[in-house]
């Protein structure tokens, strides 16, 4: 299949595009404040230590920055994908998770980051 056709893209690549779209949308609003945030996608979250019991699987995580690097936001592709009913729902969920994690990175509420 020619690379220009949508069918030539893997699901992981399509998911990455949704993340990039959500990030670009927020960058238009928050510009410089988002410049230091690093974004990544992992397939699944790391396992919890045996002494920590969790009932919910996380959809993303935000780690604080240090002197060498800024905050890092990670989205977990598989847990997000299985919760979405269709492609439109997936795009909305990705956007929601990005907003929540950026809010944590910037010390703001999700409603401040994206009022919609």
C-alpha atoms as a PDB file:
ATOM      1  CA  UNK A   1       0.000   0.000   0.000  1.00  0.00           C
ATOM      2  CA  UNK A   2       1.415   3.430  -0.881  1.00  0.00           C
ATOM      3  CA  UNK A   3       2.685   5.359   2.152  1.00  0.00           C
ATOM      4  CA  UNK A   4       0.418   8.320   1.370  1.00  0.00           C
ATOM      5  CA  UNK A   5      -2.763   6.301   1.980  1.00  0.00           C
ATOM      6  CA  UNK A   6      -4.273   6.166   5.482  1.00  0.00           C
ATOM      7  CA  UNK A   7      -4.253   2.358   5.494  1.00  0.00           C
ATOM      8  CA  UNK A   8      -0.460   2.388   5.341  1.00  0.00           C
ATOM      9  CA  UNK A   9      -0.227   3.874   8.843  1.00  0.00           C
ATOM     10  CA  UNK A  10      -0.071   1.588  11.843  1.00  0.00           C
ATOM     11  CA  UNK A  11      -2.424   2.019  14.785  1.00  0.00           C
ATOM     12  CA  UNK A  12       0.514   3.199  16.879  1.00  0.00           C
ATOM     13  CA  UNK A  13       1.364   5.876  14.303  1.00  0.00           C
ATOM     14  CA  UNK A  14      -2.268   6.984  14.145  1.00  0.00           C
ATOM     15  CA  UNK A  15      -2.342   7.202  17.954  1.00  0.00           C
ATOM     16  CA  UNK A  16       0.866   9.270  17.945  1.00  0.00           C
ATOM     17  CA  UNK A  17      -0.806  11.646  15.474  1.00  0.00           C
ATOM     18  CA  UNK A  18      -3.753  12.105  17.858  1.00  0.00           C
ATOM     19  CA  UNK A  19      -1.341  12.954  20.665  1.00  0.00           C
ATOM     20  CA  UNK A  20       0.490  15.446  18.447  1.00  0.00           C
ATOM     21  CA  UNK A  21      -2.813  17.058  17.440  1.00  0.00           C
ATOM     22  CA  UNK A  22      -3.830  17.466  21.099  1.00  0.00           C
ATOM     23  CA  UNK A  23      -0.418  18.888  22.037  1.00  0.00           C
ATOM     24  CA  UNK A  24      -0.425  21.324  19.123  1.00  0.00           C
ATOM     25  CA  UNK A  25      -3.892  22.518  20.115  1.00  0.00           C
ATOM     26  CA  UNK A  26      -2.686  23.290  23.634  1.00  0.00           C
ATOM     27  CA  UNK A  27       0.551  24.864  22.384  1.00  0.00           C
ATOM     28  CA  UNK A  28      -1.516  27.472  20.510  1.00  0.00           C
ATOM     29  CA  UNK A  29      -3.065  28.484  23.844  1.00  0.00           C
ATOM     30  CA  UNK A  30      -0.158  28.033  26.245  1.00  0.00           C
ATOM     31  CA  UNK A  31       2.880  28.523  23.965  1.00  0.00           C
ATOM     32  CA  UNK A  32       6.002  29.164  26.012  1.00  0.00           C
ATOM     33  CA  UNK A  33       4.726  27.412  29.136  1.00  0.00           C
ATOM     34  CA  UNK A  34       4.474  24.140  27.227  1.00  0.00           C
ATOM     35  CA  UNK A  35       7.860  24.432  25.526  1.00  0.00           C
ATOM     36  CA  UNK A  36       9.674  22.658  28.355  1.00  0.00           C
ATOM     37  CA  UNK A  37       7.267  19.704  28.545  1.00  0.00           C
ATOM     38  CA  UNK A  38       8.435  16.507  26.886  1.00  0.00           C
ATOM     39  CA  UNK A  39       5.742  14.163  25.536  1.00  0.00           C
ATOM     40  CA  UNK A  40       5.992  10.414  25.009  1.00  0.00           C
ATOM     41  CA  UNK A  41       3.763   7.443  24.274  1.00  0.00           C
ATOM     42  CA  UNK A  42       4.267   4.005  25.788  1.00  0.00           C
ATOM     43  CA  UNK A  43       2.182   0.935  25.051  1.00  0.00           C
ATOM     44  CA  UNK A  44       1.319   0.094  28.672  1.00  0.00           C
ATOM     45  CA  UNK A  45       2.126   1.515  32.107  1.00  0.00           C
ATOM     46  CA  UNK A  46       4.919  -0.071  34.125  1.00  0.00           C
ATOM     47  CA  UNK A  47       3.852  -2.668  36.695  1.00  0.00           C
ATOM     48  CA  UNK A  48       3.208  -1.517  40.231  1.00  0.00           C
ATOM     49  CA  UNK A  49       5.441  -2.745  43.025  1.00  0.00           C
ATOM     50  CA  UNK A  50       3.910  -5.761  44.829  1.00  0.00           C
ATOM     51  CA  UNK A  51       3.132  -3.681  47.928  1.00  0.00           C
ATOM     52  CA  UNK A  52       0.954  -1.238  45.928  1.00  0.00           C
ATOM     53  CA  UNK A  53      -2.472  -2.435  44.874  1.00  0.00           C
ATOM     54  CA  UNK A  54      -4.288  -0.381  42.268  1.00  0.00           C
ATOM     55  CA  UNK A  55      -7.747  -1.016  40.899  1.00  0.00           C
ATOM     56  CA  UNK A  56      -7.504   1.337  37.932  1.00  0.00           C
ATOM     57  CA  UNK A  57      -5.018   1.242  35.102  1.00  0.00           C
ATOM     58  CA  UNK A  58      -3.529   4.708  34.522  1.00  0.00           C
ATOM     59  CA  UNK A  59      -4.028   6.359  31.142  1.00  0.00           C
ATOM     60  CA  UNK A  60      -1.052   8.670  31.528  1.00  0.00           C
ATOM     61  CA  UNK A  61       1.474  10.100  33.921  1.00  0.00           C
ATOM     62  CA  UNK A  62       3.343  13.316  34.489  1.00  0.00           C
ATOM     63  CA  UNK A  63       6.750  13.457  36.135  1.00  0.00           C
ATOM     64  CA  UNK A  64       8.195  16.698  37.436  1.00  0.00           C
ATOM     65  CA  UNK A  65      11.206  18.218  35.801  1.00  0.00           C
ATOM     66  CA  UNK A  66      14.588  18.802  37.341  1.00  0.00           C
ATOM     67  CA  UNK A  67      17.579  21.020  36.597  1.00  0.00           C
ATOM     68  CA  UNK A  68      18.464  19.084  33.462  1.00  0.00           C
ATOM     69  CA  UNK A  69      15.020  18.615  31.914  1.00  0.00           C
ATOM     70  CA  UNK A  70      11.457  19.827  32.156  1.00  0.00           C
ATOM     71  CA  UNK A  71       8.340  17.853  33.041  1.00  0.00           C
ATOM     72  CA  UNK A  72       7.584  14.684  31.097  1.00  0.00           C
ATOM     73  CA  UNK A  73       4.090  13.593  30.094  1.00  0.00           C
ATOM     74  CA  UNK A  74       3.543   9.980  29.058  1.00  0.00           C
ATOM     75  CA  UNK A  75       0.338   8.574  27.557  1.00  0.00           C
ATOM     76  CA  UNK A  76      -0.332   4.834  27.620  1.00  0.00           C
ATOM     77  CA  UNK A  77      -1.649   3.778  24.233  1.00  0.00           C
ATOM     78  CA  UNK A  78      -3.254   0.444  25.008  1.00  0.00           C
ATOM     79  CA  UNK A  79      -5.318   1.456  28.085  1.00  0.00           C
ATOM     80  CA  UNK A  80      -6.574   4.536  26.242  1.00  0.00           C
ATOM     81  CA  UNK A  81      -7.366   2.646  23.044  1.00  0.00           C
ATOM     82  CA  UNK A  82      -9.393  -0.093  24.736  1.00  0.00           C
ATOM     83  CA  UNK A  83     -11.597   2.506  26.461  1.00  0.00           C
ATOM     84  CA  UNK A  84     -12.581   4.238  23.219  1.00  0.00           C
ATOM     85  CA  UNK A  85     -15.720   3.169  21.372  1.00  0.00           C
ATOM     86  CA  UNK A  86     -14.594   4.535  17.991  1.00  0.00           C
ATOM     87  CA  UNK A  87     -12.035   6.828  16.374  1.00  0.00           C
ATOM     88  CA  UNK A  88     -13.836  10.039  17.393  1.00  0.00           C
ATOM     89  CA  UNK A  89     -14.090   8.819  20.982  1.00  0.00           C
ATOM     90  CA  UNK A  90     -10.388   7.929  20.888  1.00  0.00           C
ATOM     91  CA  UNK A  91      -9.449  11.434  19.717  1.00  0.00           C
ATOM     92  CA  UNK A  92     -11.539  12.967  22.515  1.00  0.00           C
ATOM     93  CA  UNK A  93     -10.050  10.672  25.145  1.00  0.00           C
ATOM     94  CA  UNK A  94      -6.477  11.353  23.999  1.00  0.00           C
ATOM     95  CA  UNK A  95      -7.174  15.090  24.170  1.00  0.00           C
ATOM     96  CA  UNK A  96      -8.659  14.734  27.655  1.00  0.00           C
ATOM     97  CA  UNK A  97      -5.673  12.764  28.959  1.00  0.00           C
ATOM     98  CA  UNK A  98      -3.210  15.247  27.436  1.00  0.00           C
ATOM     99  CA  UNK A  99      -5.102  18.138  29.054  1.00  0.00           C
ATOM    100  CA  UNK A 100      -5.104  16.416  32.472  1.00  0.00           C
ATOM    101  CA  UNK A 101      -1.396  15.641  32.337  1.00  0.00           C
ATOM    102  CA  UNK A 102      -0.431  19.119  31.087  1.00  0.00           C
ATOM    103  CA  UNK A 103      -2.512  20.599  33.906  1.00  0.00           C
ATOM    104  CA  UNK A 104      -0.483  18.561  36.367  1.00  0.00           C
ATOM    105  CA  UNK A 105       2.775  19.628  34.742  1.00  0.00           C
ATOM    106  CA  UNK A 106       1.834  23.316  34.868  1.00  0.00           C
ATOM    107  CA  UNK A 107       0.235  23.204  38.313  1.00  0.00           C
ATOM    108  CA  UNK A 108      -3.190  24.206  36.990  1.00  0.00           C
ATOM    109  CA  UNK A 109      -6.616  22.604  36.726  1.00  0.00           C
ATOM    110  CA  UNK A 110      -7.710  20.857  33.525  1.00  0.00           C
ATOM    111  CA  UNK A 111     -10.485  23.467  33.175  1.00  0.00           C
ATOM    112  CA  UNK A 112      -7.858  26.230  33.073  1.00  0.00           C
ATOM    113  CA  UNK A 113      -5.834  24.406  30.451  1.00  0.00           C
ATOM    114  CA  UNK A 114      -8.818  23.712  28.186  1.00  0.00           C
ATOM    115  CA  UNK A 115     -12.163  25.226  29.197  1.00  0.00           C
ATOM    116  CA  UNK A 116     -13.979  23.205  26.541  1.00  0.00           C
END
